[in-house]
Amino acid sequence: MKFSKMHGIGNDYVYVNCFEEQVSNPEQLSILVSDRRKGIGSDGLILILPSEKADCRMRIFNADGSEAMMCGNGIRCVGKYAYDHGIVTKPELSVETNSGIKYIQLQIQDQKAVGATVDMGKAILKPKLIPMYAEGENFIAKDLLVDQKIYSATAVSMGNPHCVVFLEENIAELDLEKIGPGFEHHAVFPERVNTEFVNVLDDHTLRMRVWERGSGETMACGTGACAVAVASVLNGYCKQDQEITVKLSGGDLQIVYHSDQTVTMTGSATHVFDGIWQEENKI
C-alpha cells in the first residue's frame, strides 16, 4: 500500500490515496501504522476517497482505530495532497467529511500547496448536538467536576466535540497523561470528548495543549484550536471578527470567529515523505 506521511503543525497522519488504493480494514490499519515504535508513527490514518458531493472525501481514524468526524489539521493536508497530485487543479476545493462539506482555499508556492484557509462552518453550542448531557441552550463557563476537581468549562463542537478549560496556572506544567482521560471519558460526554487546556496571553493570543479522544496528547488539533477561539470570545477574552493566534505545541494557527458564527482556520500543510506499507499479515 502506497502512503504519504504529512503533518499540519506537528499533527501527523498517514494518508492513503483511495482513488488508487483499497483499504479493507482502516480501523485495524490505523492502529498498526500509528504505532511510533512498530509502525510508521502518526496520530492516525486519513483516507482520501472519491466523492459524489465534493472534490474528494476524507475519512479520519484515530490511533486507537476509532473513526473521527473531522480533523482541522488533516483537512489542510488533504487539500495539499489533492492539489499536488492532480486530483484537483484549482486552489479552491471542497472536501466531504463526516461532519459535512468543508471548503478550502489553498496557498500555492512554486506550484505546490503549502498551507490553507478552511471554512470550518458554524460552531455548535447546543449541548445535545455536541453531544453532551447538560440542560440549557449552551454550556459556557460552567462548573464541571472531573476526578474530584471543579473546572470552569465551555463545550463547543466544530464537527468534533470539545471541552475548553481556561486556566491561570501554566499549562506547560500540567500532567495531561493523568488529567486528560478524566475529561475524555467523562459521563456527560456520550461520545467522549477532546479537551483543550488554555492560557490567555492577550486579547488576540492564546496558548493551548490538547488531549484528543482516541489519541491522547497531540502536537496540535485544528478543530480544537477553532473551539478554543470560539470559547475565548464567548468567555470575553477575545473578540469576534478578529484574527486570534492559537499557539500549540507544534506551531501556530490563525482563527477567526465571525459574527455569523462561522469559523475560518489558516495554517500550514507539510509533506514529510512517501512510502510503501507492507504487512506480513494482510489487513
C-alpha atoms as a PDB file:
ATOM      1  CA  MET A   1       0.000   0.000   0.000  1.00  0.00           C
ATOM      2  CA  LYS A   2       1.431   3.339  -1.035  1.00  0.00           C
ATOM      3  CA  PHE A   3       1.073   6.123   1.529  1.00  0.00           C
ATOM      4  CA  SER A   4       2.221   9.646   2.322  1.00  0.00           C
ATOM      5  CA  LYS A   5       3.242  10.950   5.740  1.00  0.00           C
ATOM      6  CA  MET A   6       2.072  14.565   6.199  1.00  0.00           C
ATOM      7  CA  HIS A   7       1.529  16.939   9.092  1.00  0.00           C
ATOM      8  CA  GLY A   8      -0.192  20.179   9.965  1.00  0.00           C
ATOM      9  CA  ILE A   9       1.949  21.915  12.618  1.00  0.00           C
ATOM     10  CA  GLY A  10       3.011  18.571  14.057  1.00  0.00           C
ATOM     11  CA  ASN A  11      -0.401  16.861  13.913  1.00  0.00           C
ATOM     12  CA  ASP A  12       0.797  13.962  11.743  1.00  0.00           C
ATOM     13  CA  TYR A  13      -1.192  11.351   9.843  1.00  0.00           C
ATOM     14  CA  VAL A  14      -0.618   8.576   7.358  1.00  0.00           C
ATOM     15  CA  TYR A  15      -2.520   9.479   4.166  1.00  0.00           C
ATOM     16  CA  VAL A  16      -3.714   6.914   1.633  1.00  0.00           C
ATOM     17  CA  ASN A  17      -4.960   7.836  -1.839  1.00  0.00           C
ATOM     18  CA  CYS A  18      -8.062   5.668  -2.173  1.00  0.00           C
ATOM     19  CA  PHE A  19      -8.557   6.860  -5.730  1.00  0.00           C
ATOM     20  CA  GLU A  20      -5.790   4.302  -6.370  1.00  0.00           C
ATOM     21  CA  GLU A  21      -5.579   2.073  -3.270  1.00  0.00           C
ATOM     22  CA  GLN A  22      -8.148  -0.068  -1.461  1.00  0.00           C
ATOM     23  CA  VAL A  23      -8.182  -0.284   2.334  1.00  0.00           C
ATOM     24  CA  SER A  24     -10.477  -3.018   3.642  1.00  0.00           C
ATOM     25  CA  ASN A  25      -9.982  -2.582   7.398  1.00  0.00           C
ATOM     26  CA  PRO A  26      -8.975   1.030   8.183  1.00  0.00           C
ATOM     27  CA  GLU A  27      -9.759   0.672  11.902  1.00  0.00           C
ATOM     28  CA  GLN A  28      -7.127  -2.031  12.367  1.00  0.00           C
ATOM     29  CA  LEU A  29      -4.720  -0.470   9.885  1.00  0.00           C
ATOM     30  CA  SER A  30      -4.800   2.824  11.794  1.00  0.00           C
ATOM     31  CA  ILE A  31      -3.716   1.088  14.989  1.00  0.00           C
ATOM     32  CA  LEU A  32      -0.824  -0.613  13.203  1.00  0.00           C
ATOM     33  CA  VAL A  33       0.528   2.348  11.233  1.00  0.00           C
ATOM     34  CA  SER A  34       0.151   4.824  14.107  1.00  0.00           C
ATOM     35  CA  ASP A  35       2.477   2.906  16.449  1.00  0.00           C
ATOM     36  CA  ARG A  36       5.610   5.032  16.781  1.00  0.00           C
ATOM     37  CA  ARG A  37       7.862   2.081  17.594  1.00  0.00           C
ATOM     38  CA  LYS A  38       6.461  -0.749  15.478  1.00  0.00           C
ATOM     39  CA  GLY A  39       4.617   1.172  12.758  1.00  0.00           C
ATOM     40  CA  ILE A  40       5.089   4.295  10.665  1.00  0.00           C
ATOM     41  CA  GLY A  41       4.266   6.600  13.567  1.00  0.00           C
ATOM     42  CA  SER A  42       1.335   9.025  13.458  1.00  0.00           C
ATOM     43  CA  ASP A  43      -1.708  10.397  15.251  1.00  0.00           C
ATOM     44  CA  GLY A  44      -3.867   8.271  12.962  1.00  0.00           C
ATOM     45  CA  LEU A  45      -4.850   7.359   9.414  1.00  0.00           C
ATOM     46  CA  ILE A  46      -6.612   9.525   6.810  1.00  0.00           C
ATOM     47  CA  LEU A  47      -8.146   8.094   3.660  1.00  0.00           C
ATOM     48  CA  ILE A  48      -8.645  10.329   0.605  1.00  0.00           C
ATOM     49  CA  LEU A  49     -11.578   8.984  -1.401  1.00  0.00           C
ATOM     50  CA  PRO A  50     -13.812   9.887  -4.360  1.00  0.00           C
ATOM     51  CA  SER A  51     -16.974  11.803  -3.518  1.00  0.00           C
ATOM     52  CA  GLU A  52     -20.271  12.350  -5.307  1.00  0.00           C
ATOM     53  CA  LYS A  53     -20.830  15.585  -3.349  1.00  0.00           C
ATOM     54  CA  ALA A  54     -17.410  17.297  -3.342  1.00  0.00           C
ATOM     55  CA  ASP A  55     -13.995  17.256  -4.998  1.00  0.00           C
ATOM     56  CA  CYS A  56     -12.947  14.454  -2.659  1.00  0.00           C
ATOM     57  CA  ARG A  57     -13.874  12.805   0.623  1.00  0.00           C
ATOM     58  CA  MET A  58     -11.825  12.202   3.747  1.00  0.00           C
ATOM     59  CA  ARG A  59     -12.188   9.611   6.496  1.00  0.00           C
ATOM     60  CA  ILE A  60     -10.170  10.004   9.699  1.00  0.00           C
ATOM     61  CA  PHE A  61      -9.193   7.187  12.061  1.00  0.00           C
ATOM     62  CA  ASN A  62      -7.574   7.841  15.422  1.00  0.00           C
ATOM     63  CA  ALA A  63      -4.574   5.941  16.745  1.00  0.00           C
ATOM     64  CA  ASP A  64      -6.918   3.605  18.653  1.00  0.00           C
ATOM     65  CA  GLY A  65      -8.855   2.734  15.484  1.00  0.00           C
ATOM     66  CA  SER A  66     -11.946   4.804  16.249  1.00  0.00           C
ATOM     67  CA  GLU A  67     -13.309   6.951  13.431  1.00  0.00           C
ATOM     68  CA  ALA A  68     -13.394  10.720  13.896  1.00  0.00           C
ATOM     69  CA  MET A  69     -15.872  13.162  12.424  1.00  0.00           C
ATOM     70  CA  MET A  70     -13.419  15.828  11.340  1.00  0.00           C
ATOM     71  CA  CYS A  71      -9.753  16.881  11.541  1.00  0.00           C
ATOM     72  CA  GLY A  72      -8.766  20.517  11.023  1.00  0.00           C
ATOM     73  CA  ASN A  73      -5.051  19.937  10.519  1.00  0.00           C
ATOM     74  CA  GLY A  74      -5.741  16.846   8.458  1.00  0.00           C
ATOM     75  CA  ILE A  75      -8.110  18.535   6.024  1.00  0.00           C
ATOM     76  CA  ARG A  76      -5.454  21.106   5.084  1.00  0.00           C
ATOM     77  CA  CYS A  77      -3.116  18.229   4.205  1.00  0.00           C
ATOM     78  CA  VAL A  78      -5.897  16.535   2.230  1.00  0.00           C
ATOM     79  CA  GLY A  79      -6.250  19.757   0.236  1.00  0.00           C
ATOM     80  CA  LYS A  80      -2.493  19.853  -0.346  1.00  0.00           C
ATOM     81  CA  TYR A  81      -2.389  16.209  -1.431  1.00  0.00           C
ATOM     82  CA  ALA A  82      -5.340  16.641  -3.797  1.00  0.00           C
ATOM     83  CA  TYR A  83      -3.743  19.667  -5.459  1.00  0.00           C
ATOM     84  CA  ASP A  84      -0.162  18.389  -5.575  1.00  0.00           C
ATOM     85  CA  HIS A  85      -1.274  15.040  -7.051  1.00  0.00           C
ATOM     86  CA  GLY A  86      -3.682  16.482  -9.609  1.00  0.00           C
ATOM     87  CA  ILE A  87      -6.918  15.241  -8.035  1.00  0.00           C
ATOM     88  CA  VAL A  88      -7.965  18.896  -8.273  1.00  0.00           C
ATOM     89  CA  THR A  89      -6.354  21.517 -10.495  1.00  0.00           C
ATOM     90  CA  LYS A  90      -7.621  24.663  -8.798  1.00  0.00           C
ATOM     91  CA  PRO A  91      -6.650  26.195  -5.440  1.00  0.00           C
ATOM     92  CA  GLU A  92     -10.267  26.209  -4.253  1.00  0.00           C
ATOM     93  CA  LEU A  93     -11.756  22.838  -3.412  1.00  0.00           C
ATOM     94  CA  SER A  94     -14.442  21.131  -1.381  1.00  0.00           C
ATOM     95  CA  VAL A  95     -13.933  18.121   0.869  1.00  0.00           C
ATOM     96  CA  GLU A  96     -16.676  15.841   2.139  1.00  0.00           C
ATOM     97  CA  THR A  97     -16.232  14.863   5.805  1.00  0.00           C
ATOM     98  CA  ASN A  98     -18.350  13.026   8.350  1.00  0.00           C
ATOM     99  CA  SER A  99     -19.364  16.449   9.681  1.00  0.00           C
ATOM    100  CA  GLY A 100     -20.349  17.892   6.307  1.00  0.00           C
ATOM    101  CA  ILE A 101     -18.670  19.502   3.313  1.00  0.00           C
ATOM    102  CA  LYS A 102     -15.812  21.913   4.089  1.00  0.00           C
ATOM    103  CA  TYR A 103     -14.356  24.477   1.701  1.00  0.00           C
ATOM    104  CA  ILE A 104     -10.637  25.153   1.334  1.00  0.00           C
ATOM    105  CA  GLN A 105      -8.599  27.990  -0.167  1.00  0.00           C
ATOM    106  CA  LEU A 106      -5.064  26.741  -0.751  1.00  0.00           C
ATOM    107  CA  GLN A 107      -1.884  28.805  -0.543  1.00  0.00           C
ATOM    108  CA  ILE A 108       0.292  27.958  -3.561  1.00  0.00           C
ATOM    109  CA  GLN A 109       4.067  28.395  -3.877  1.00  0.00           C
ATOM    110  CA  ASP A 110       6.138  27.020  -6.765  1.00  0.00           C
ATOM    111  CA  GLN A 111       3.110  25.052  -7.975  1.00  0.00           C
ATOM    112  CA  LYS A 112       2.748  23.259  -4.636  1.00  0.00           C
ATOM    113  CA  ALA A 113       0.246  23.845  -1.851  1.00  0.00           C
ATOM    114  CA  VAL A 114       1.971  24.933   1.369  1.00  0.00           C
ATOM    115  CA  GLY A 115      -0.995  25.880   3.528  1.00  0.00           C
ATOM    116  CA  ALA A 116      -4.689  26.616   3.501  1.00  0.00           C
ATOM    117  CA  THR A 117      -7.593  28.551   4.910  1.00  0.00           C
ATOM    118  CA  VAL A 118     -10.537  26.302   5.736  1.00  0.00           C
ATOM    119  CA  ASP A 119     -14.148  27.353   6.251  1.00  0.00           C
ATOM    120  CA  MET A 120     -14.924  25.126   9.217  1.00  0.00           C
ATOM    121  CA  GLY A 121     -18.622  26.008   9.306  1.00  0.00           C
ATOM    122  CA  LYS A 122     -20.601  27.185  12.292  1.00  0.00           C
ATOM    123  CA  ALA A 123     -19.691  26.485  15.888  1.00  0.00           C
ATOM    124  CA  ILE A 124     -22.226  24.242  17.619  1.00  0.00           C
ATOM    125  CA  LEU A 125     -23.074  25.280  21.162  1.00  0.00           C
ATOM    126  CA  LYS A 126     -26.279  23.389  21.930  1.00  0.00           C
ATOM    127  CA  PRO A 127     -25.346  20.547  24.337  1.00  0.00           C
ATOM    128  CA  LYS A 128     -27.474  17.835  22.745  1.00  0.00           C
ATOM    129  CA  LEU A 129     -25.797  18.470  19.388  1.00  0.00           C
ATOM    130  CA  ILE A 130     -22.225  18.479  20.736  1.00  0.00           C
ATOM    131  CA  PRO A 131     -23.235  15.860  22.119  1.00  0.00           C
ATOM    132  CA  MET A 132     -23.319  16.440  25.851  1.00  0.00           C
ATOM    133  CA  TYR A 133     -25.720  15.626  28.661  1.00  0.00           C
ATOM    134  CA  ALA A 134     -26.493  19.114  30.005  1.00  0.00           C
ATOM    135  CA  GLU A 135     -29.502  21.358  30.398  1.00  0.00           C
ATOM    136  CA  GLY A 136     -29.913  24.716  28.677  1.00  0.00           C
ATOM    137  CA  GLU A 137     -29.027  26.257  25.333  1.00  0.00           C
ATOM    138  CA  ASN A 138     -25.271  26.152  25.923  1.00  0.00           C
ATOM    139  CA  PHE A 139     -22.530  25.121  28.328  1.00  0.00           C
ATOM    140  CA  ILE A 140     -20.355  28.222  28.709  1.00  0.00           C
ATOM    141  CA  ALA A 141     -18.084  28.810  31.722  1.00  0.00           C
ATOM    142  CA  LYS A 142     -19.946  26.248  33.806  1.00  0.00           C
ATOM    143  CA  ASP A 143     -18.601  24.038  36.556  1.00  0.00           C
ATOM    144  CA  LEU A 144     -17.538  20.525  35.584  1.00  0.00           C
ATOM    145  CA  LEU A 145     -16.375  18.054  38.214  1.00  0.00           C
ATOM    146  CA  VAL A 146     -13.532  15.881  36.918  1.00  0.00           C
ATOM    147  CA  ASP A 147     -11.681  13.498  39.220  1.00  0.00           C
ATOM    148  CA  GLN A 148     -12.801  15.408  42.327  1.00  0.00           C
ATOM    149  CA  LYS A 149     -11.692  18.802  40.963  1.00  0.00           C
ATOM    150  CA  ILE A 150     -14.039  21.509  39.667  1.00  0.00           C
ATOM    151  CA  TYR A 151     -13.125  23.193  36.361  1.00  0.00           C
ATOM    152  CA  SER A 152     -14.830  26.077  34.583  1.00  0.00           C
ATOM    153  CA  ALA A 153     -15.551  24.522  31.194  1.00  0.00           C
ATOM    154  CA  THR A 154     -17.026  25.591  27.854  1.00  0.00           C
ATOM    155  CA  ALA A 155     -18.332  22.972  25.423  1.00  0.00           C
ATOM    156  CA  VAL A 156     -18.170  23.543  21.670  1.00  0.00           C
ATOM    157  CA  SER A 157     -18.453  21.261  18.649  1.00  0.00           C
ATOM    158  CA  MET A 158     -16.549  22.029  15.463  1.00  0.00           C
ATOM    159  CA  GLY A 159     -17.506  18.717  13.896  1.00  0.00           C
ATOM    160  CA  ASN A 160     -15.822  17.042  16.872  1.00  0.00           C
ATOM    161  CA  PRO A 161     -16.889  17.626  20.498  1.00  0.00           C
ATOM    162  CA  HIS A 162     -14.551  19.826  22.540  1.00  0.00           C
ATOM    163  CA  CYS A 163     -14.314  20.835  26.182  1.00  0.00           C
ATOM    164  CA  VAL A 164     -12.308  24.046  26.645  1.00  0.00           C
ATOM    165  CA  VAL A 165     -10.792  24.893  30.021  1.00  0.00           C
ATOM    166  CA  PHE A 166      -9.134  28.288  30.657  1.00  0.00           C
ATOM    167  CA  LEU A 167      -6.536  28.181  33.427  1.00  0.00           C
ATOM    168  CA  GLU A 168      -4.442  30.690  35.356  1.00  0.00           C
ATOM    169  CA  GLU A 169      -1.763  28.094  36.073  1.00  0.00           C
ATOM    170  CA  ASN A 170       0.889  27.423  33.434  1.00  0.00           C
ATOM    171  CA  ILE A 171      -0.483  24.718  31.137  1.00  0.00           C
ATOM    172  CA  ALA A 172       3.079  23.558  30.377  1.00  0.00           C
ATOM    173  CA  GLU A 173       3.199  22.134  33.890  1.00  0.00           C
ATOM    174  CA  LEU A 174       0.007  20.063  33.603  1.00  0.00           C
ATOM    175  CA  ASP A 175       0.224  16.279  33.714  1.00  0.00           C
ATOM    176  CA  LEU A 176      -2.134  15.587  30.805  1.00  0.00           C
ATOM    177  CA  GLU A 177      -1.498  11.838  30.947  1.00  0.00           C
ATOM    178  CA  LYS A 178      -3.167  11.946  34.347  1.00  0.00           C
ATOM    179  CA  ILE A 179      -5.773  14.676  33.754  1.00  0.00           C
ATOM    180  CA  GLY A 180      -6.803  14.030  30.145  1.00  0.00           C
ATOM    181  CA  PRO A 181      -8.554  10.644  30.443  1.00  0.00           C
ATOM    182  CA  GLY A 182     -10.886  12.006  33.136  1.00  0.00           C
ATOM    183  CA  PHE A 183     -12.236  14.530  30.654  1.00  0.00           C
ATOM    184  CA  GLU A 184     -12.204  12.205  27.647  1.00  0.00           C
ATOM    185  CA  HIS A 185     -14.318   9.557  29.372  1.00  0.00           C
ATOM    186  CA  HIS A 186     -16.498  11.883  31.481  1.00  0.00           C
ATOM    187  CA  ALA A 187     -20.066  10.635  31.784  1.00  0.00           C
ATOM    188  CA  VAL A 188     -21.562  13.872  30.396  1.00  0.00           C
ATOM    189  CA  PHE A 189     -19.923  13.245  27.001  1.00  0.00           C
ATOM    190  CA  PRO A 190     -21.550  10.141  25.482  1.00  0.00           C
ATOM    191  CA  GLU A 191     -19.124  10.023  22.527  1.00  0.00           C
ATOM    192  CA  ARG A 192     -16.073  11.036  24.575  1.00  0.00           C
ATOM    193  CA  VAL A 193     -14.533  14.486  24.149  1.00  0.00           C
ATOM    194  CA  ASN A 194     -11.379  16.318  23.094  1.00  0.00           C
ATOM    195  CA  THR A 195     -10.150  18.664  25.821  1.00  0.00           C
ATOM    196  CA  GLU A 196      -8.162  21.879  25.431  1.00  0.00           C
ATOM    197  CA  PHE A 197      -6.287  23.474  28.333  1.00  0.00           C
ATOM    198  CA  VAL A 198      -5.696  27.159  27.630  1.00  0.00           C
ATOM    199  CA  ASN A 199      -3.680  30.138  28.868  1.00  0.00           C
ATOM    200  CA  VAL A 200      -4.817  33.579  27.663  1.00  0.00           C
ATOM    201  CA  LEU A 201      -1.724  35.597  26.672  1.00  0.00           C
ATOM    202  CA  ASP A 202      -3.563  38.715  25.463  1.00  0.00           C
ATOM    203  CA  ASP A 203      -6.798  39.704  23.705  1.00  0.00           C
ATOM    204  CA  HIS A 204      -5.759  38.018  20.444  1.00  0.00           C
ATOM    205  CA  THR A 205      -3.275  35.317  21.501  1.00  0.00           C
ATOM    206  CA  LEU A 206      -3.941  32.009  23.239  1.00  0.00           C
ATOM    207  CA  ARG A 207      -1.751  29.053  24.155  1.00  0.00           C
ATOM    208  CA  MET A 208      -3.239  25.564  24.358  1.00  0.00           C
ATOM    209  CA  ARG A 209      -2.459  21.917  24.943  1.00  0.00           C
ATOM    210  CA  VAL A 210      -4.855  19.265  23.782  1.00  0.00           C
ATOM    211  CA  TRP A 211      -5.870  15.795  24.887  1.00  0.00           C
ATOM    212  CA  GLU A 212      -7.629  14.124  21.952  1.00  0.00           C
ATOM    213  CA  ARG A 213     -10.084  11.299  22.327  1.00  0.00           C
ATOM    214  CA  GLY A 214      -8.560   8.145  20.939  1.00  0.00           C
ATOM    215  CA  SER A 215      -5.070   9.619  20.533  1.00  0.00           C
ATOM    216  CA  GLY A 216      -4.008  11.209  23.839  1.00  0.00           C
ATOM    217  CA  GLU A 217      -1.943  14.386  23.827  1.00  0.00           C
ATOM    218  CA  THR A 218      -1.052  15.548  20.326  1.00  0.00           C
ATOM    219  CA  MET A 219       1.147  18.346  18.986  1.00  0.00           C
ATOM    220  CA  ALA A 220      -1.839  20.169  17.526  1.00  0.00           C
ATOM    221  CA  CYS A 221      -5.572  19.952  16.898  1.00  0.00           C
ATOM    222  CA  GLY A 222      -7.234  22.130  14.265  1.00  0.00           C
ATOM    223  CA  THR A 223     -10.841  21.720  15.371  1.00  0.00           C
ATOM    224  CA  GLY A 224      -9.600  22.170  18.943  1.00  0.00           C
ATOM    225  CA  ALA A 225      -7.938  25.488  18.085  1.00  0.00           C
ATOM    226  CA  CYS A 226     -11.204  26.612  16.481  1.00  0.00           C
ATOM    227  CA  ALA A 227     -13.162  25.581  19.569  1.00  0.00           C
ATOM    228  CA  VAL A 228     -10.679  27.452  21.778  1.00  0.00           C
ATOM    229  CA  ALA A 229     -11.045  30.634  19.707  1.00  0.00           C
ATOM    230  CA  VAL A 230     -14.845  30.397  19.887  1.00  0.00           C
ATOM    231  CA  ALA A 231     -14.730  29.770  23.634  1.00  0.00           C
ATOM    232  CA  SER A 232     -12.362  32.727  24.129  1.00  0.00           C
ATOM    233  CA  VAL A 233     -14.937  35.032  22.518  1.00  0.00           C
ATOM    234  CA  LEU A 234     -17.822  33.521  24.489  1.00  0.00           C
ATOM    235  CA  ASN A 235     -15.848  33.988  27.723  1.00  0.00           C
ATOM    236  CA  GLY A 236     -14.924  37.593  26.916  1.00  0.00           C
ATOM    237  CA  TYR A 237     -11.185  37.117  26.384  1.00  0.00           C
ATOM    238  CA  CYS A 238     -11.147  37.865  22.627  1.00  0.00           C
ATOM    239  CA  LYS A 239     -13.440  39.495  20.060  1.00  0.00           C
ATOM    240  CA  GLN A 240     -15.423  38.234  17.104  1.00  0.00           C
ATOM    241  CA  ASP A 241     -14.245  39.092  13.575  1.00  0.00           C
ATOM    242  CA  GLN A 242     -10.699  39.427  14.905  1.00  0.00           C
ATOM    243  CA  GLU A 243      -7.829  37.100  13.987  1.00  0.00           C
ATOM    244  CA  ILE A 244      -6.853  35.043  17.003  1.00  0.00           C
ATOM    245  CA  THR A 245      -3.478  33.307  17.101  1.00  0.00           C
ATOM    246  CA  VAL A 246      -3.661  29.961  18.848  1.00  0.00           C
ATOM    247  CA  LYS A 247      -0.246  28.651  19.875  1.00  0.00           C
ATOM    248  CA  LEU A 248       0.050  24.869  20.038  1.00  0.00           C
ATOM    249  CA  SER A 249       2.983  22.573  20.755  1.00  0.00           C
ATOM    250  CA  GLY A 250       3.560  22.112  17.006  1.00  0.00           C
ATOM    251  CA  GLY A 251       3.084  25.715  15.868  1.00  0.00           C
ATOM    252  CA  ASP A 252       0.517  28.466  15.384  1.00  0.00           C
ATOM    253  CA  LEU A 253      -2.925  28.586  13.792  1.00  0.00           C
ATOM    254  CA  GLN A 254      -4.846  31.726  12.887  1.00  0.00           C
ATOM    255  CA  ILE A 255      -8.547  31.512  13.699  1.00  0.00           C
ATOM    256  CA  VAL A 256     -11.403  33.962  13.096  1.00  0.00           C
ATOM    257  CA  TYR A 257     -14.792  33.508  14.776  1.00  0.00           C
ATOM    258  CA  HIS A 258     -17.073  35.539  12.545  1.00  0.00           C
ATOM    259  CA  SER A 259     -20.218  37.389  13.566  1.00  0.00           C
ATOM    260  CA  ASP A 260     -22.360  34.925  11.598  1.00  0.00           C
ATOM    261  CA  GLN A 261     -20.828  32.216  13.847  1.00  0.00           C
ATOM    262  CA  THR A 262     -18.763  30.593  11.080  1.00  0.00           C
ATOM    263  CA  VAL A 263     -15.132  29.849  11.853  1.00  0.00           C
ATOM    264  CA  THR A 264     -12.154  30.037   9.488  1.00  0.00           C
ATOM    265  CA  MET A 265      -8.785  28.437  10.189  1.00  0.00           C
ATOM    266  CA  THR A 266      -5.471  29.181   8.474  1.00  0.00           C
ATOM    267  CA  GLY A 267      -2.319  27.096   8.817  1.00  0.00           C
ATOM    268  CA  SER A 268       0.422  25.149   7.093  1.00  0.00           C
ATOM    269  CA  ALA A 269       0.321  21.750   5.408  1.00  0.00           C
ATOM    270  CA  THR A 270       3.589  19.827   5.115  1.00  0.00           C
ATOM    271  CA  HIS A 271       4.611  16.715   3.210  1.00  0.00           C
ATOM    272  CA  VAL A 272       7.158  14.590   5.100  1.00  0.00           C
ATOM    273  CA  PHE A 273       7.765  11.508   2.957  1.00  0.00           C
ATOM    274  CA  ASP A 274       6.166   8.822   0.775  1.00  0.00           C
ATOM    275  CA  GLY A 275       6.464   5.115   1.381  1.00  0.00           C
ATOM    276  CA  ILE A 276       5.047   1.642   0.946  1.00  0.00           C
ATOM    277  CA  TRP A 277       3.397  -0.232   3.831  1.00  0.00           C
ATOM    278  CA  GLN A 278       3.951  -3.969   3.549  1.00  0.00           C
ATOM    279  CA  GLU A 279       2.492  -6.043   6.386  1.00  0.00           C
ATOM    280  CA  GLU A 280       3.317  -9.721   6.791  1.00  0.00           C
ATOM    281  CA  ASN A 281      -0.279 -10.362   7.801  1.00  0.00           C
ATOM    282  CA  LYS A 282      -2.642  -8.816   5.285  1.00  0.00           C
ATOM    283  CA  ILE A 283      -5.033  -6.280   6.803  1.00  0.00           C
END
